[in-house]
Amino acid sequence: MSGIYIPGVEMPASCYKCGVSCNLVSHIVRNMHPFWRYEKCPLVPVPDHGRLIDASVLMEKCMKEDTFLAEMLFRKLSNAPTIIPADKEE
């Protein structure tokens, strides 16, 4: 499943303040509970970050060109923080 990232848009504090119509929470519940957020909210907060890349694609390219470089990269990338989680389909 793919998704979207909208630069400059902050994570809403609650469903009441959210402008996304996700069909998980009805309009009535959203208006009755101004500080409540659905525990399975599909929105993912994205912290401040640098350039995002697909590490798997980088690893594949390095494996084709230089195995030693790929091994070094693997060690570094294994400990790197995840900014946006991988799709569950992968």
C-alpha atoms as a PDB file:
ATOM      1  CA  MET A   1       0.000   0.000   0.000  1.00  0.00           C
ATOM      2  CA  SER A   2       1.351   3.413  -0.833  1.00  0.00           C
ATOM      3  CA  GLY A   3       0.535   6.663   0.904  1.00  0.00           C
ATOM      4  CA  ILE A   4       1.209  10.368   0.897  1.00  0.00           C
ATOM      5  CA  TYR A   5       3.436  12.750   2.797  1.00  0.00           C
ATOM      6  CA  ILE A   6       2.386  16.391   2.981  1.00  0.00           C
ATOM      7  CA  PRO A   7       5.298  18.668   3.966  1.00  0.00           C
ATOM      8  CA  GLY A   8       4.441  21.274   6.572  1.00  0.00           C
ATOM      9  CA  VAL A   9       1.288  19.534   7.834  1.00  0.00           C
ATOM     10  CA  GLU A  10       1.473  18.635  11.526  1.00  0.00           C
ATOM     11  CA  MET A  11      -0.009  15.481  13.063  1.00  0.00           C
ATOM     12  CA  PRO A  12      -3.429  16.420  14.497  1.00  0.00           C
ATOM     13  CA  ALA A  13      -3.728  16.141  18.273  1.00  0.00           C
ATOM     14  CA  SER A  14      -7.100  14.375  18.025  1.00  0.00           C
ATOM     15  CA  CYS A  15      -9.720  13.119  15.575  1.00  0.00           C
ATOM     16  CA  TYR A  16     -11.696  16.273  16.376  1.00  0.00           C
ATOM     17  CA  LYS A  17      -8.907  18.456  14.930  1.00  0.00           C
ATOM     18  CA  CYS A  18      -8.205  16.152  11.980  1.00  0.00           C
ATOM     19  CA  GLY A  19      -9.301  17.175   8.492  1.00  0.00           C
ATOM     20  CA  VAL A  20      -8.824  13.680   7.053  1.00  0.00           C
ATOM     21  CA  SER A  21     -11.964  11.664   6.394  1.00  0.00           C
ATOM     22  CA  CYS A  22     -10.598   8.191   7.096  1.00  0.00           C
ATOM     23  CA  ASN A  23     -13.918   6.334   7.531  1.00  0.00           C
ATOM     24  CA  LEU A  24     -12.546   4.796  10.746  1.00  0.00           C
ATOM     25  CA  VAL A  25     -14.200   7.314  13.002  1.00  0.00           C
ATOM     26  CA  SER A  26     -17.686   8.605  12.381  1.00  0.00           C
ATOM     27  CA  HIS A  27     -18.386  12.337  12.160  1.00  0.00           C
ATOM     28  CA  ILE A  28     -20.523  12.092  15.315  1.00  0.00           C
ATOM     29  CA  VAL A  29     -17.746  10.508  17.434  1.00  0.00           C
ATOM     30  CA  ARG A  30     -15.211  12.971  16.043  1.00  0.00           C
ATOM     31  CA  ASN A  31     -17.365  15.885  17.224  1.00  0.00           C
ATOM     32  CA  MET A  32     -18.310  14.406  20.618  1.00  0.00           C
ATOM     33  CA  HIS A  33     -14.779  13.703  21.837  1.00  0.00           C
ATOM     34  CA  PRO A  34     -12.518  16.696  21.076  1.00  0.00           C
ATOM     35  CA  PHE A  35      -9.383  15.185  22.698  1.00  0.00           C
ATOM     36  CA  TRP A  36      -9.764  11.581  21.546  1.00  0.00           C
ATOM     37  CA  ARG A  37      -7.726   9.860  18.825  1.00  0.00           C
ATOM     38  CA  TYR A  38      -8.533   6.432  17.395  1.00  0.00           C
ATOM     39  CA  GLU A  39      -5.848   3.977  18.566  1.00  0.00           C
ATOM     40  CA  LYS A  40      -5.489   2.554  15.035  1.00  0.00           C
ATOM     41  CA  CYS A  41      -5.214   5.970  13.365  1.00  0.00           C
ATOM     42  CA  PRO A  42      -3.704   5.453   9.876  1.00  0.00           C
ATOM     43  CA  LEU A  43      -1.711   8.703  10.053  1.00  0.00           C
ATOM     44  CA  VAL A  44       1.995   8.284  10.834  1.00  0.00           C
ATOM     45  CA  PRO A  45       3.851  11.195  12.451  1.00  0.00           C
ATOM     46  CA  VAL A  46       7.045  12.043  10.552  1.00  0.00           C
ATOM     47  CA  PRO A  47       9.828  13.663  12.588  1.00  0.00           C
ATOM     48  CA  ASP A  48      12.135  16.298  11.147  1.00  0.00           C
ATOM     49  CA  HIS A  49      14.522  14.499   8.827  1.00  0.00           C
ATOM     50  CA  GLY A  50      17.025  14.782   6.046  1.00  0.00           C
ATOM     51  CA  ARG A  51      16.681  13.262   2.598  1.00  0.00           C
ATOM     52  CA  LEU A  52      14.712  10.001   2.547  1.00  0.00           C
ATOM     53  CA  ILE A  53      15.908   7.121   0.370  1.00  0.00           C
ATOM     54  CA  ASP A  54      14.879   3.522  -0.253  1.00  0.00           C
ATOM     55  CA  ALA A  55      17.670   1.655   1.552  1.00  0.00           C
ATOM     56  CA  SER A  56      16.742  -1.665  -0.088  1.00  0.00           C
ATOM     57  CA  VAL A  57      17.285  -0.249  -3.583  1.00  0.00           C
ATOM     58  CA  LEU A  58      20.616   1.249  -2.516  1.00  0.00           C
ATOM     59  CA  MET A  59      21.721  -2.109  -1.095  1.00  0.00           C
ATOM     60  CA  GLU A  60      20.757  -3.930  -4.319  1.00  0.00           C
ATOM     61  CA  LYS A  61      22.767  -1.494  -6.449  1.00  0.00           C
ATOM     62  CA  CYS A  62      25.803  -1.764  -4.158  1.00  0.00           C
ATOM     63  CA  MET A  63      25.660  -5.579  -4.184  1.00  0.00           C
ATOM     64  CA  LYS A  64      25.883  -5.532  -7.991  1.00  0.00           C
ATOM     65  CA  GLU A  65      28.864  -3.174  -7.978  1.00  0.00           C
ATOM     66  CA  ASP A  66      30.859  -3.797  -4.801  1.00  0.00           C
ATOM     67  CA  THR A  67      30.179  -6.501  -2.211  1.00  0.00           C
ATOM     68  CA  PHE A  68      32.557  -4.957   0.348  1.00  0.00           C
ATOM     69  CA  LEU A  69      30.794  -1.586   0.081  1.00  0.00           C
ATOM     70  CA  ALA A  70      27.422  -3.330   0.406  1.00  0.00           C
ATOM     71  CA  GLU A  71      28.532  -5.088   3.605  1.00  0.00           C
ATOM     72  CA  MET A  72      29.702  -1.796   5.122  1.00  0.00           C
ATOM     73  CA  LEU A  73      26.456  -0.097   4.123  1.00  0.00           C
ATOM     74  CA  PHE A  74      24.398  -2.935   5.573  1.00  0.00           C
ATOM     75  CA  ARG A  75      26.063  -2.469   8.973  1.00  0.00           C
ATOM     76  CA  LYS A  76      25.369   1.274   8.915  1.00  0.00           C
ATOM     77  CA  LEU A  77      21.812   1.008   7.569  1.00  0.00           C
ATOM     78  CA  SER A  78      20.838  -1.717  10.051  1.00  0.00           C
ATOM     79  CA  ASN A  79      21.191   0.784  12.897  1.00  0.00           C
ATOM     80  CA  ALA A  80      19.693   3.781  11.074  1.00  0.00           C
ATOM     81  CA  PRO A  81      16.357   5.097  12.376  1.00  0.00           C
ATOM     82  CA  THR A  82      13.222   4.382  10.350  1.00  0.00           C
ATOM     83  CA  ILE A  83      11.470   7.622   9.384  1.00  0.00           C
ATOM     84  CA  ILE A  84       8.594   6.144   7.401  1.00  0.00           C
ATOM     85  CA  PRO A  85       7.909   2.410   7.942  1.00  0.00           C
ATOM     86  CA  ALA A  86       7.996   0.008   4.983  1.00  0.00           C
ATOM     87  CA  ASP A  87       4.750  -1.087   3.385  1.00  0.00           C
ATOM     88  CA  LYS A  88       3.378  -4.248   4.968  1.00  0.00           C
ATOM     89  CA  GLU A  89       3.136  -5.784   1.495  1.00  0.00           C
ATOM     90  CA  GLU A  90       6.922  -5.905   1.047  1.00  0.00           C
END
